[in-house]
Amino acid sequence: MPEMITLSVDGRSTSVAAGTSVAAAIAIAAARAAGPGVTRRSVGGQLRAPLCGMGVCQECRVTVNGRAHVLSCQTLCAPGMDVQTGGAP
């Protein structure tokens, strides 16, 4: 059984397996809350989510522990991490 860690995604406590990317944790948190797994909103207000999964498209940018523009697809979750997507209405 994998080690589980807990982090916060948009103020919701979420537990994921160690080694999970922040992008995957956002999707897991969204599925549990029956909400969209968005990582941000565009300047025009459209919902954005990871597209390429390798850091090129920049669609997965989130704020992690107060640091803006972190690529969620390239960042592993850490215990107690605070992730803000800006995707919630």
N, C-alpha and C. Protein backbone atom coordinates (compact mmCIF):
# COMPACT_ATOMS: atom_id res chain seq x y z
N MET A 1 0.85 -1.18 0.00
CA MET A 1 0.00 0.00 0.00
C MET A 1 0.90 1.25 0.00
N PRO A 2 0.63 2.19 -0.90
CA PRO A 2 1.49 3.37 -0.99
C PRO A 2 1.33 4.29 0.21
N GLU A 3 2.40 5.00 0.51
CA GLU A 3 2.34 6.03 1.56
C GLU A 3 1.42 7.15 1.07
N MET A 4 0.53 7.60 1.93
CA MET A 4 -0.39 8.68 1.58
C MET A 4 0.08 9.98 2.22
N ILE A 5 -0.08 11.07 1.51
CA ILE A 5 0.22 12.40 2.05
C ILE A 5 -1.03 13.26 1.89
N THR A 6 -1.12 14.29 2.71
CA THR A 6 -2.27 15.19 2.67
C THR A 6 -1.80 16.60 2.32
N LEU A 7 -2.52 17.22 1.41
CA LEU A 7 -2.26 18.60 1.03
C LEU A 7 -3.59 19.30 0.88
N SER A 8 -3.55 20.60 0.65
CA SER A 8 -4.76 21.39 0.48
C SER A 8 -4.86 21.85 -0.96
N VAL A 9 -6.02 21.61 -1.58
CA VAL A 9 -6.28 22.09 -2.94
C VAL A 9 -7.49 23.01 -2.86
N ASP A 10 -7.26 24.29 -3.08
CA ASP A 10 -8.32 25.30 -2.99
C ASP A 10 -9.07 25.19 -1.66
N GLY A 11 -8.32 24.98 -0.59
CA GLY A 11 -8.90 24.94 0.75
C GLY A 11 -9.50 23.62 1.15
N ARG A 12 -9.48 22.62 0.24
CA ARG A 12 -10.01 21.29 0.55
C ARG A 12 -8.86 20.34 0.84
N SER A 13 -8.93 19.66 1.95
CA SER A 13 -7.93 18.67 2.31
C SER A 13 -8.05 17.48 1.35
N THR A 14 -6.91 17.08 0.78
CA THR A 14 -6.89 16.00 -0.19
C THR A 14 -5.74 15.07 0.12
N SER A 15 -6.01 13.77 0.17
CA SER A 15 -4.97 12.77 0.39
C SER A 15 -4.67 12.07 -0.92
N VAL A 16 -3.37 11.95 -1.23
CA VAL A 16 -2.92 11.28 -2.44
C VAL A 16 -1.71 10.43 -2.12
N ALA A 17 -1.38 9.52 -2.99
CA ALA A 17 -0.19 8.69 -2.81
C ALA A 17 1.06 9.54 -2.99
N ALA A 18 2.08 9.25 -2.19
CA ALA A 18 3.36 9.94 -2.35
C ALA A 18 3.83 9.75 -3.79
N GLY A 19 4.40 10.78 -4.39
CA GLY A 19 4.86 10.72 -5.77
C GLY A 19 3.84 11.20 -6.78
N THR A 20 2.65 11.60 -6.31
CA THR A 20 1.60 12.11 -7.19
C THR A 20 1.92 13.53 -7.61
N SER A 21 1.68 13.86 -8.86
CA SER A 21 1.89 15.24 -9.32
C SER A 21 0.77 16.13 -8.78
N VAL A 22 1.05 17.40 -8.70
CA VAL A 22 0.04 18.35 -8.26
C VAL A 22 -1.13 18.36 -9.24
N ALA A 23 -0.87 18.22 -10.54
CA ALA A 23 -1.95 18.18 -11.53
C ALA A 23 -2.89 17.01 -11.25
N ALA A 24 -2.33 15.85 -10.93
CA ALA A 24 -3.17 14.69 -10.61
C ALA A 24 -3.94 14.91 -9.32
N ALA A 25 -3.32 15.53 -8.33
CA ALA A 25 -4.01 15.81 -7.07
C ALA A 25 -5.19 16.76 -7.29
N ILE A 26 -5.03 17.72 -8.18
CA ILE A 26 -6.13 18.64 -8.50
C ILE A 26 -7.28 17.86 -9.12
N ALA A 27 -6.97 16.95 -10.03
CA ALA A 27 -8.01 16.14 -10.67
C ALA A 27 -8.69 15.24 -9.64
N ILE A 28 -7.93 14.65 -8.74
CA ILE A 28 -8.49 13.80 -7.69
C ILE A 28 -9.41 14.61 -6.78
N ALA A 29 -8.95 15.79 -6.36
CA ALA A 29 -9.77 16.64 -5.50
C ALA A 29 -11.05 17.05 -6.20
N ALA A 30 -10.96 17.36 -7.49
CA ALA A 30 -12.15 17.77 -8.26
C ALA A 30 -13.14 16.61 -8.38
N ALA A 31 -12.63 15.43 -8.63
CA ALA A 31 -13.52 14.26 -8.76
C ALA A 31 -14.24 13.98 -7.45
N ARG A 32 -13.57 14.13 -6.34
CA ARG A 32 -14.19 13.89 -5.04
C ARG A 32 -15.23 14.95 -4.72
N ALA A 33 -15.03 16.16 -5.23
CA ALA A 33 -15.96 17.25 -4.95
C ALA A 33 -16.99 17.42 -6.07
N ALA A 34 -16.93 16.56 -7.07
CA ALA A 34 -17.83 16.65 -8.24
C ALA A 34 -17.75 18.03 -8.89
N GLY A 35 -16.51 18.53 -9.00
CA GLY A 35 -16.31 19.84 -9.62
C GLY A 35 -15.34 19.73 -10.78
N PRO A 36 -15.10 20.82 -11.49
CA PRO A 36 -14.16 20.77 -12.62
C PRO A 36 -12.72 20.72 -12.12
N GLY A 37 -11.88 19.95 -12.79
CA GLY A 37 -10.48 19.83 -12.41
C GLY A 37 -9.63 20.89 -13.07
N VAL A 38 -9.96 22.13 -12.87
CA VAL A 38 -9.27 23.22 -13.53
C VAL A 38 -8.07 23.68 -12.72
N THR A 39 -7.10 24.24 -13.41
CA THR A 39 -5.93 24.75 -12.73
C THR A 39 -5.89 26.28 -12.69
N ARG A 40 -6.65 26.89 -13.56
CA ARG A 40 -6.68 28.36 -13.56
C ARG A 40 -7.78 28.82 -14.51
N ARG A 41 -7.96 30.11 -14.58
CA ARG A 41 -8.85 30.72 -15.58
C ARG A 41 -8.00 31.61 -16.47
N SER A 42 -8.37 31.65 -17.73
CA SER A 42 -7.66 32.52 -18.66
C SER A 42 -8.02 33.97 -18.37
N VAL A 43 -7.34 34.88 -19.05
CA VAL A 43 -7.65 36.30 -18.89
C VAL A 43 -9.11 36.57 -19.22
N GLY A 44 -9.66 35.83 -20.19
CA GLY A 44 -11.06 35.98 -20.58
C GLY A 44 -12.03 35.23 -19.70
N GLY A 45 -11.52 34.49 -18.69
CA GLY A 45 -12.39 33.79 -17.76
C GLY A 45 -12.66 32.33 -18.07
N GLN A 46 -12.11 31.82 -19.19
CA GLN A 46 -12.33 30.42 -19.54
C GLN A 46 -11.54 29.50 -18.60
N LEU A 47 -12.13 28.32 -18.31
CA LEU A 47 -11.47 27.34 -17.47
C LEU A 47 -10.28 26.74 -18.22
N ARG A 48 -9.19 26.52 -17.50
CA ARG A 48 -8.00 25.91 -18.08
C ARG A 48 -7.63 24.68 -17.27
N ALA A 49 -7.02 23.71 -17.93
CA ALA A 49 -6.58 22.48 -17.28
C ALA A 49 -5.32 22.00 -17.99
N PRO A 50 -4.60 21.05 -17.40
CA PRO A 50 -3.38 20.54 -18.05
C PRO A 50 -3.71 20.00 -19.44
N LEU A 51 -2.81 20.22 -20.36
CA LEU A 51 -3.01 19.77 -21.73
C LEU A 51 -1.90 18.81 -22.16
N CYS A 52 -0.64 19.25 -22.05
CA CYS A 52 0.45 18.44 -22.58
C CYS A 52 1.03 17.47 -21.54
N GLY A 53 0.97 17.82 -20.26
CA GLY A 53 1.51 16.96 -19.22
C GLY A 53 3.02 16.95 -19.12
N MET A 54 3.70 17.85 -19.85
CA MET A 54 5.16 17.89 -19.77
C MET A 54 5.72 19.30 -19.63
N GLY A 55 4.88 20.26 -19.23
CA GLY A 55 5.36 21.59 -18.91
C GLY A 55 5.51 22.55 -20.06
N VAL A 56 5.13 22.15 -21.26
CA VAL A 56 5.30 23.01 -22.43
C VAL A 56 4.13 23.98 -22.60
N CYS A 57 2.90 23.51 -22.42
CA CYS A 57 1.73 24.32 -22.74
C CYS A 57 1.44 25.41 -21.70
N GLN A 58 1.94 25.25 -20.48
CA GLN A 58 1.75 26.23 -19.41
C GLN A 58 0.30 26.35 -18.93
N GLU A 59 -0.59 25.47 -19.36
CA GLU A 59 -1.99 25.52 -18.96
C GLU A 59 -2.21 25.03 -17.53
N CYS A 60 -1.22 24.41 -16.94
CA CYS A 60 -1.40 23.82 -15.60
C CYS A 60 -0.86 24.70 -14.48
N ARG A 61 -0.58 25.96 -14.77
CA ARG A 61 0.01 26.84 -13.76
C ARG A 61 -0.92 27.05 -12.56
N VAL A 62 -0.35 26.93 -11.37
CA VAL A 62 -1.07 27.13 -10.11
C VAL A 62 -0.18 27.90 -9.15
N THR A 63 -0.73 28.24 -8.01
CA THR A 63 0.05 28.85 -6.94
C THR A 63 0.27 27.78 -5.87
N VAL A 64 1.52 27.53 -5.53
CA VAL A 64 1.87 26.53 -4.53
C VAL A 64 2.60 27.23 -3.39
N ASN A 65 2.04 27.11 -2.20
CA ASN A 65 2.62 27.73 -1.00
C ASN A 65 2.97 29.20 -1.23
N GLY A 66 2.07 29.90 -1.95
CA GLY A 66 2.24 31.33 -2.19
C GLY A 66 3.08 31.68 -3.40
N ARG A 67 3.68 30.70 -4.05
CA ARG A 67 4.51 30.94 -5.24
C ARG A 67 3.67 30.73 -6.49
N ALA A 68 3.50 31.80 -7.26
CA ALA A 68 2.65 31.76 -8.46
C ALA A 68 3.35 31.10 -9.64
N HIS A 69 2.56 30.65 -10.60
CA HIS A 69 3.01 30.13 -11.90
C HIS A 69 3.83 28.85 -11.80
N VAL A 70 3.52 28.02 -10.81
CA VAL A 70 4.17 26.72 -10.68
C VAL A 70 3.49 25.76 -11.65
N LEU A 71 4.25 24.99 -12.39
CA LEU A 71 3.69 24.00 -13.32
C LEU A 71 3.27 22.77 -12.53
N SER A 72 1.96 22.58 -12.42
CA SER A 72 1.45 21.48 -11.59
C SER A 72 1.78 20.11 -12.15
N CYS A 73 1.95 20.00 -13.47
CA CYS A 73 2.25 18.70 -14.06
C CYS A 73 3.69 18.28 -13.79
N GLN A 74 4.53 19.22 -13.42
CA GLN A 74 5.94 18.95 -13.19
C GLN A 74 6.33 19.02 -11.72
N THR A 75 5.35 19.19 -10.84
CA THR A 75 5.61 19.35 -9.41
C THR A 75 4.97 18.21 -8.63
N LEU A 76 5.77 17.58 -7.77
CA LEU A 76 5.24 16.50 -6.95
C LEU A 76 4.63 17.06 -5.68
N CYS A 77 3.58 16.42 -5.21
CA CYS A 77 2.92 16.83 -3.97
C CYS A 77 3.84 16.60 -2.78
N ALA A 78 3.71 17.45 -1.79
CA ALA A 78 4.44 17.33 -0.54
C ALA A 78 3.44 17.47 0.61
N PRO A 79 3.71 16.83 1.72
CA PRO A 79 2.79 16.94 2.86
C PRO A 79 2.58 18.40 3.27
N GLY A 80 1.32 18.78 3.47
CA GLY A 80 1.00 20.12 3.93
C GLY A 80 1.03 21.19 2.85
N MET A 81 1.30 20.81 1.62
CA MET A 81 1.36 21.77 0.51
C MET A 81 0.02 22.47 0.36
N ASP A 82 0.06 23.77 0.05
CA ASP A 82 -1.15 24.56 -0.20
C ASP A 82 -1.20 24.92 -1.66
N VAL A 83 -2.17 24.38 -2.38
CA VAL A 83 -2.31 24.62 -3.82
C VAL A 83 -3.55 25.46 -4.06
N GLN A 84 -3.38 26.55 -4.77
CA GLN A 84 -4.49 27.41 -5.15
C GLN A 84 -4.55 27.43 -6.66
N THR A 85 -5.68 26.99 -7.21
CA THR A 85 -5.80 26.91 -8.67
C THR A 85 -6.30 28.19 -9.29
N GLY A 86 -7.10 28.94 -8.58
CA GLY A 86 -7.71 30.10 -9.18
C GLY A 86 -8.80 29.72 -10.17
N GLY A 87 -9.06 28.41 -10.28
CA GLY A 87 -10.06 27.92 -11.22
C GLY A 87 -11.46 27.91 -10.68
N ALA A 88 -11.59 27.99 -9.36
CA ALA A 88 -12.93 27.98 -8.76
C ALA A 88 -13.61 29.31 -9.05
N PRO A 89 -14.93 29.30 -9.30
CA PRO A 89 -15.62 30.56 -9.60
C PRO A 89 -15.64 31.50 -8.42
